[in-house]
């Protein structure tokens, strides 16, 4: 078995070899990676139908630059439903009736009350990776 080692020269044309930076305004690997770095997962506590639900966060996620805004894209929303008075999740539901509120950091679910349930939101920050 032969072992090959790379050299700095083999990495010097990474941009053109793998499309890291495409010419002009074309979408390239750099754009795709930046968008993936903007993927967020946030939790909210349910409430009445169409009520504003604040996406919870701590530390980095609570900074203004890391809040969901109307320019961002919701990828998916899961509602975890528990049985009243008992612990644990009895079932979950994928929600398609979610919108991002005008107030940064909030969403609303219009199809019915989600009171006392946990809501998991996957969303893309359109500005890309947040350094906060």
N, C-alpha and C. Protein backbone atom coordinates (compact mmCIF):
# COMPACT_ATOMS: atom_id res chain seq x y z
N UNK A 1 0.83 -1.16 0.00
CA UNK A 1 0.00 0.00 0.00
C UNK A 1 0.89 1.24 0.00
N UNK A 2 0.55 2.20 -0.85
CA UNK A 2 1.31 3.43 -0.94
C UNK A 2 0.58 4.53 -0.16
N UNK A 3 1.35 5.35 0.50
CA UNK A 3 0.77 6.48 1.21
C UNK A 3 1.21 7.74 0.49
N UNK A 4 0.23 8.54 0.11
CA UNK A 4 0.53 9.78 -0.58
C UNK A 4 0.26 10.93 0.38
N UNK A 5 1.04 11.95 0.29
CA UNK A 5 0.79 13.12 1.13
C UNK A 5 0.54 14.31 0.22
N UNK A 6 -0.31 15.18 0.70
CA UNK A 6 -0.62 16.38 -0.07
C UNK A 6 0.43 17.44 0.16
N UNK A 7 0.41 18.42 -0.69
CA UNK A 7 1.32 19.54 -0.53
C UNK A 7 0.50 20.81 -0.63
N UNK A 8 1.03 21.92 -0.16
CA UNK A 8 0.30 23.17 -0.29
C UNK A 8 -0.11 23.47 -1.74
N UNK A 9 0.73 23.00 -2.69
CA UNK A 9 0.39 23.24 -4.09
C UNK A 9 -0.91 22.54 -4.46
N UNK A 10 -1.17 21.36 -3.88
CA UNK A 10 -2.39 20.64 -4.23
C UNK A 10 -3.63 21.36 -3.70
N UNK A 11 -3.45 22.23 -2.72
CA UNK A 11 -4.58 22.98 -2.18
C UNK A 11 -4.68 24.39 -2.75
N UNK A 12 -3.69 24.82 -3.48
CA UNK A 12 -3.66 26.21 -3.92
C UNK A 12 -4.73 26.55 -4.93
N UNK A 13 -5.22 25.57 -5.70
CA UNK A 13 -6.27 25.88 -6.68
C UNK A 13 -7.62 25.30 -6.26
N UNK A 14 -7.83 25.20 -4.96
CA UNK A 14 -9.09 24.68 -4.43
C UNK A 14 -10.29 25.48 -4.92
N UNK A 15 -10.12 26.80 -5.02
CA UNK A 15 -11.22 27.67 -5.47
C UNK A 15 -11.75 27.25 -6.82
N UNK A 16 -10.87 27.04 -7.76
CA UNK A 16 -11.32 26.72 -9.12
C UNK A 16 -11.64 25.24 -9.29
N UNK A 17 -10.93 24.38 -8.58
CA UNK A 17 -11.15 22.94 -8.73
C UNK A 17 -12.50 22.49 -8.22
N UNK A 18 -12.94 23.07 -7.13
CA UNK A 18 -14.18 22.61 -6.51
C UNK A 18 -15.29 23.65 -6.54
N UNK A 19 -15.12 24.73 -7.25
CA UNK A 19 -16.16 25.73 -7.37
C UNK A 19 -16.44 26.51 -6.10
N UNK A 20 -15.41 26.67 -5.26
CA UNK A 20 -15.62 27.41 -4.01
C UNK A 20 -16.10 28.82 -4.32
N UNK A 21 -15.48 29.46 -5.27
CA UNK A 21 -15.87 30.82 -5.63
C UNK A 21 -16.05 30.88 -7.14
N UNK A 22 -17.31 30.95 -7.55
CA UNK A 22 -17.62 31.02 -8.98
C UNK A 22 -17.46 32.45 -9.47
N UNK A 23 -17.19 32.62 -10.75
CA UNK A 23 -17.06 33.97 -11.29
C UNK A 23 -18.39 34.72 -11.26
N UNK A 24 -18.32 36.01 -11.08
CA UNK A 24 -19.52 36.84 -11.13
C UNK A 24 -20.48 36.56 -9.98
N UNK A 25 -21.76 36.52 -10.32
CA UNK A 25 -22.78 36.34 -9.29
C UNK A 25 -23.36 34.93 -9.27
N UNK A 26 -22.69 33.99 -9.91
CA UNK A 26 -23.18 32.61 -9.93
C UNK A 26 -23.11 32.00 -8.54
N UNK A 27 -24.07 31.12 -8.25
CA UNK A 27 -24.07 30.41 -6.97
C UNK A 27 -22.90 29.44 -6.97
N UNK A 28 -22.17 29.42 -5.86
CA UNK A 28 -21.00 28.56 -5.77
C UNK A 28 -21.00 27.82 -4.43
N UNK A 29 -19.98 27.02 -4.20
CA UNK A 29 -19.88 26.23 -2.99
C UNK A 29 -19.83 27.13 -1.75
N UNK A 30 -19.19 28.27 -1.85
CA UNK A 30 -19.12 29.21 -0.73
C UNK A 30 -20.53 29.64 -0.32
N UNK A 31 -21.39 29.93 -1.29
CA UNK A 31 -22.77 30.33 -1.00
C UNK A 31 -23.53 29.21 -0.31
N UNK A 32 -23.36 27.97 -0.79
CA UNK A 32 -24.06 26.82 -0.21
C UNK A 32 -23.62 26.58 1.23
N UNK A 33 -22.32 26.66 1.50
CA UNK A 33 -21.81 26.45 2.85
C UNK A 33 -22.31 27.56 3.77
N UNK A 34 -22.30 28.80 3.28
CA UNK A 34 -22.76 29.92 4.11
C UNK A 34 -24.23 29.73 4.46
N UNK A 35 -25.04 29.27 3.51
CA UNK A 35 -26.46 29.06 3.79
C UNK A 35 -26.65 27.93 4.80
N UNK A 36 -25.87 26.85 4.67
CA UNK A 36 -25.97 25.76 5.65
C UNK A 36 -25.58 26.22 7.04
N UNK A 37 -24.61 27.12 7.12
CA UNK A 37 -24.19 27.63 8.42
C UNK A 37 -25.28 28.50 9.05
N UNK A 38 -26.22 28.95 8.24
CA UNK A 38 -27.32 29.78 8.73
C UNK A 38 -28.50 28.97 9.24
N UNK A 39 -28.39 27.62 9.27
CA UNK A 39 -29.48 26.78 9.75
C UNK A 39 -29.59 26.91 11.27
N UNK A 40 -30.78 27.24 11.74
CA UNK A 40 -31.04 27.38 13.17
C UNK A 40 -32.12 26.40 13.59
N UNK A 41 -32.08 26.01 14.85
CA UNK A 41 -33.12 25.19 15.45
C UNK A 41 -33.54 25.91 16.72
N UNK A 42 -34.81 26.29 16.79
CA UNK A 42 -35.30 27.04 17.94
C UNK A 42 -36.55 26.38 18.50
N UNK A 43 -36.84 26.67 19.76
CA UNK A 43 -37.98 26.09 20.45
C UNK A 43 -38.90 27.21 20.92
N UNK A 44 -40.20 26.95 20.88
CA UNK A 44 -41.19 27.89 21.41
C UNK A 44 -42.19 27.10 22.24
N UNK A 45 -42.83 27.77 23.17
CA UNK A 45 -43.90 27.17 23.96
C UNK A 45 -45.21 27.58 23.30
N UNK A 46 -46.08 26.61 23.07
CA UNK A 46 -47.35 26.87 22.39
C UNK A 46 -48.27 27.79 23.16
N UNK A 47 -49.31 28.27 22.46
CA UNK A 47 -50.31 29.17 23.03
C UNK A 47 -51.58 29.04 22.20
N UNK A 48 -52.46 30.00 22.31
CA UNK A 48 -53.70 29.97 21.55
C UNK A 48 -53.46 30.12 20.06
N UNK A 49 -54.48 29.82 19.27
CA UNK A 49 -54.36 29.93 17.81
C UNK A 49 -54.01 31.36 17.41
N UNK A 50 -53.07 31.49 16.50
CA UNK A 50 -52.59 32.76 15.95
C UNK A 50 -51.90 33.67 16.95
N UNK A 51 -51.63 33.19 18.16
CA UNK A 51 -50.89 33.99 19.14
C UNK A 51 -49.43 34.08 18.72
N UNK A 52 -48.77 35.14 19.11
CA UNK A 52 -47.34 35.27 18.84
C UNK A 52 -46.58 34.34 19.78
N UNK A 53 -45.72 33.51 19.21
CA UNK A 53 -44.90 32.58 19.97
C UNK A 53 -43.45 33.03 19.86
N UNK A 54 -42.81 33.27 20.99
CA UNK A 54 -41.42 33.72 20.98
C UNK A 54 -40.50 32.52 20.89
N UNK A 55 -39.59 32.55 19.91
CA UNK A 55 -38.59 31.49 19.81
C UNK A 55 -37.59 31.71 20.93
N UNK A 56 -37.42 30.67 21.73
CA UNK A 56 -36.56 30.75 22.91
C UNK A 56 -35.11 30.56 22.51
N UNK A 57 -34.23 31.15 23.29
CA UNK A 57 -32.80 30.97 23.08
C UNK A 57 -32.06 31.40 24.32
N UNK A 58 -30.83 31.04 24.37
CA UNK A 58 -30.00 31.48 25.48
C UNK A 58 -28.63 31.81 24.93
N UNK A 59 -27.97 32.71 25.57
CA UNK A 59 -26.63 33.08 25.11
C UNK A 59 -26.68 33.65 23.72
N UNK A 60 -26.01 32.99 22.78
CA UNK A 60 -25.89 33.49 21.40
C UNK A 60 -27.24 33.66 20.74
N UNK A 61 -28.15 32.73 20.96
CA UNK A 61 -29.43 32.77 20.27
C UNK A 61 -30.32 33.93 20.70
N UNK A 62 -30.04 34.53 21.86
CA UNK A 62 -30.90 35.61 22.33
C UNK A 62 -30.46 36.97 21.79
N UNK A 63 -29.35 37.04 21.10
CA UNK A 63 -28.88 38.31 20.55
C UNK A 63 -29.74 38.71 19.35
N UNK A 64 -29.93 40.00 19.17
CA UNK A 64 -30.82 40.51 18.12
C UNK A 64 -30.46 39.98 16.74
N UNK A 65 -29.17 39.84 16.45
CA UNK A 65 -28.74 39.39 15.13
C UNK A 65 -29.08 37.93 14.86
N UNK A 66 -29.40 37.17 15.92
CA UNK A 66 -29.70 35.75 15.75
C UNK A 66 -31.19 35.46 15.77
N UNK A 67 -32.05 36.50 15.81
CA UNK A 67 -33.49 36.31 15.86
C UNK A 67 -34.06 36.08 14.46
N UNK A 68 -35.11 35.28 14.38
CA UNK A 68 -35.78 35.05 13.10
C UNK A 68 -36.48 36.33 12.66
N UNK A 69 -36.40 36.65 11.38
CA UNK A 69 -37.07 37.82 10.82
C UNK A 69 -37.86 37.39 9.58
N UNK A 70 -38.66 38.28 9.05
CA UNK A 70 -39.49 37.96 7.89
C UNK A 70 -38.67 37.69 6.63
N UNK A 71 -37.40 38.03 6.62
CA UNK A 71 -36.53 37.72 5.48
C UNK A 71 -36.03 36.28 5.51
N UNK A 72 -36.14 35.61 6.66
CA UNK A 72 -35.64 34.25 6.82
C UNK A 72 -36.63 33.23 6.26
N UNK A 73 -36.20 31.98 6.21
CA UNK A 73 -37.01 30.91 5.62
C UNK A 73 -37.24 29.81 6.64
N UNK A 74 -38.50 29.46 6.87
CA UNK A 74 -38.81 28.34 7.75
C UNK A 74 -38.68 27.05 6.94
N UNK A 75 -37.89 26.12 7.45
CA UNK A 75 -37.66 24.83 6.79
C UNK A 75 -38.71 23.82 7.24
N UNK A 76 -38.99 23.79 8.53
CA UNK A 76 -39.97 22.85 9.06
C UNK A 76 -40.33 23.18 10.48
N UNK A 77 -41.54 22.78 10.88
CA UNK A 77 -42.01 23.03 12.24
C UNK A 77 -42.66 21.75 12.77
N UNK A 78 -42.21 21.31 13.95
CA UNK A 78 -42.78 20.15 14.63
C UNK A 78 -43.43 20.60 15.92
N UNK A 79 -44.66 20.15 16.15
CA UNK A 79 -45.34 20.41 17.41
C UNK A 79 -45.34 19.11 18.20
N UNK A 80 -44.78 19.15 19.41
CA UNK A 80 -44.76 17.98 20.29
C UNK A 80 -45.90 18.12 21.28
N UNK A 81 -46.83 17.17 21.21
CA UNK A 81 -48.05 17.23 22.01
C UNK A 81 -47.95 16.26 23.17
N UNK A 82 -48.20 16.77 24.38
CA UNK A 82 -48.21 15.94 25.58
C UNK A 82 -49.63 15.71 26.05
N UNK A 83 -49.82 14.70 26.83
CA UNK A 83 -51.14 14.41 27.41
C UNK A 83 -51.29 15.25 28.67
N UNK A 84 -52.39 15.97 28.82
CA UNK A 84 -52.61 16.81 29.99
C UNK A 84 -52.44 16.06 31.29
N UNK A 85 -51.60 16.59 32.18
CA UNK A 85 -51.41 16.00 33.49
C UNK A 85 -50.37 14.89 33.56
N UNK A 86 -49.93 14.40 32.43
CA UNK A 86 -48.89 13.36 32.45
C UNK A 86 -47.64 13.89 31.77
N UNK A 87 -46.55 13.23 31.99
CA UNK A 87 -45.31 13.68 31.37
C UNK A 87 -45.06 12.93 30.07
N UNK A 88 -44.26 13.52 29.25
CA UNK A 88 -43.88 12.88 28.01
C UNK A 88 -44.68 13.36 26.81
N UNK A 89 -44.22 12.98 25.67
CA UNK A 89 -44.85 13.35 24.40
C UNK A 89 -45.73 12.19 23.95
N UNK A 90 -46.97 12.47 23.61
CA UNK A 90 -47.86 11.41 23.15
C UNK A 90 -47.85 11.30 21.63
N UNK A 91 -47.64 12.41 20.94
CA UNK A 91 -47.52 12.39 19.49
C UNK A 91 -46.94 13.73 19.04
N UNK A 92 -46.58 13.80 17.77
CA UNK A 92 -46.11 15.07 17.23
C UNK A 92 -46.77 15.32 15.88
N UNK A 93 -46.74 16.57 15.48
CA UNK A 93 -47.40 16.98 14.24
C UNK A 93 -46.49 17.93 13.47
N UNK A 94 -46.38 17.70 12.17
CA UNK A 94 -45.67 18.65 11.32
C UNK A 94 -46.66 19.76 10.98
N UNK A 95 -46.26 20.99 11.23
CA UNK A 95 -47.17 22.12 11.02
C UNK A 95 -46.82 22.85 9.74
N UNK A 96 -47.82 23.15 8.95
CA UNK A 96 -47.62 23.92 7.72
C UNK A 96 -48.32 25.27 7.78
N UNK A 97 -48.89 25.60 8.92
CA UNK A 97 -49.67 26.83 9.08
C UNK A 97 -48.91 27.86 9.92
N UNK A 98 -47.63 27.98 9.67
CA UNK A 98 -46.75 28.84 10.47
C UNK A 98 -46.31 30.02 9.63
N UNK A 99 -46.27 31.17 10.25
CA UNK A 99 -45.72 32.35 9.58
C UNK A 99 -44.79 33.07 10.54
N UNK A 100 -43.84 33.78 9.97
CA UNK A 100 -42.92 34.58 10.77
C UNK A 100 -43.60 35.92 11.03
N UNK A 101 -43.65 36.32 12.28
CA UNK A 101 -44.30 37.57 12.65
C UNK A 101 -43.44 38.77 12.27
N UNK A 102 -44.08 39.93 12.21
CA UNK A 102 -43.35 41.17 11.89
C UNK A 102 -42.35 41.52 12.99
N UNK A 103 -42.63 41.10 14.22
CA UNK A 103 -41.72 41.34 15.34
C UNK A 103 -40.61 40.30 15.31
N UNK A 104 -39.34 40.70 15.18
CA UNK A 104 -38.24 39.73 15.14
C UNK A 104 -38.26 38.81 16.36
N UNK A 105 -38.04 37.51 16.09
CA UNK A 105 -37.98 36.53 17.15
C UNK A 105 -39.29 35.80 17.42
N UNK A 106 -40.34 36.12 16.66
CA UNK A 106 -41.66 35.55 16.90
C UNK A 106 -42.23 34.87 15.66
N UNK A 107 -43.02 33.83 15.89
CA UNK A 107 -43.79 33.16 14.84
C UNK A 107 -45.24 33.07 15.32
N UNK A 108 -46.14 32.67 14.44
CA UNK A 108 -47.51 32.36 14.86
C UNK A 108 -47.98 31.14 14.08
N UNK A 109 -48.87 30.37 14.71
CA UNK A 109 -49.45 29.18 14.11
C UNK A 109 -50.95 29.40 14.06
N UNK A 110 -51.52 29.41 12.87
CA UNK A 110 -52.91 29.82 12.70
C UNK A 110 -53.93 28.70 12.72
N UNK A 111 -53.52 27.45 12.56
CA UNK A 111 -54.47 26.36 12.39
C UNK A 111 -55.11 25.82 13.64
N UNK A 112 -54.82 26.35 14.80
CA UNK A 112 -55.41 25.86 16.04
C UNK A 112 -54.48 26.12 17.20
N UNK A 113 -55.03 26.01 18.39
CA UNK A 113 -54.26 26.26 19.60
C UNK A 113 -53.15 25.22 19.77
N UNK A 114 -52.04 25.65 20.29
CA UNK A 114 -50.91 24.77 20.59
C UNK A 114 -50.57 24.87 22.08
N UNK A 115 -51.52 25.31 22.88
CA UNK A 115 -51.33 25.59 24.29
C UNK A 115 -50.59 24.47 25.01
N UNK A 116 -49.53 24.84 25.72
CA UNK A 116 -48.71 23.95 26.55
C UNK A 116 -47.90 22.94 25.76
N UNK A 117 -47.93 22.97 24.45
CA UNK A 117 -47.12 22.07 23.65
C UNK A 117 -45.78 22.72 23.33
N UNK A 118 -44.82 21.92 22.96
CA UNK A 118 -43.50 22.43 22.57
C UNK A 118 -43.43 22.48 21.04
N UNK A 119 -42.88 23.56 20.52
CA UNK A 119 -42.77 23.77 19.07
C UNK A 119 -41.29 23.83 18.71
N UNK A 120 -40.87 23.00 17.77
CA UNK A 120 -39.49 23.00 17.30
C UNK A 120 -39.49 23.59 15.89
N UNK A 121 -38.70 24.64 15.68
CA UNK A 121 -38.66 25.34 14.40
C UNK A 121 -37.27 25.24 13.81
N UNK A 122 -37.17 24.73 12.57
CA UNK A 122 -35.92 24.73 11.82
C UNK A 122 -36.05 25.84 10.78
N UNK A 123 -35.07 26.73 10.76
CA UNK A 123 -35.14 27.86 9.85
C UNK A 123 -33.75 28.30 9.40
N UNK A 124 -33.74 28.92 8.21
CA UNK A 124 -32.50 29.46 7.65
C UNK A 124 -32.44 30.95 7.88
N UNK A 125 -31.33 31.39 8.42
CA UNK A 125 -31.05 32.82 8.53
C UNK A 125 -30.49 33.25 7.17
N UNK A 126 -31.21 34.07 6.45
CA UNK A 126 -30.80 34.44 5.08
C UNK A 126 -29.50 35.24 5.04
N UNK A 127 -29.08 35.78 6.19
CA UNK A 127 -27.80 36.50 6.19
C UNK A 127 -26.63 35.54 6.34
N UNK A 128 -26.92 34.25 6.56
CA UNK A 128 -25.85 33.26 6.70
C UNK A 128 -25.45 33.05 8.13
N UNK A 129 -24.24 32.64 8.35
CA UNK A 129 -23.73 32.30 9.67
C UNK A 129 -23.73 33.51 10.60
N UNK A 130 -24.27 33.34 11.80
CA UNK A 130 -24.26 34.39 12.79
C UNK A 130 -23.03 34.24 13.68
N UNK A 131 -22.24 35.27 13.79
CA UNK A 131 -21.01 35.22 14.58
C UNK A 131 -21.25 35.42 16.05
N UNK A 132 -22.49 35.60 16.47
CA UNK A 132 -22.80 35.85 17.88
C UNK A 132 -22.86 34.59 18.67
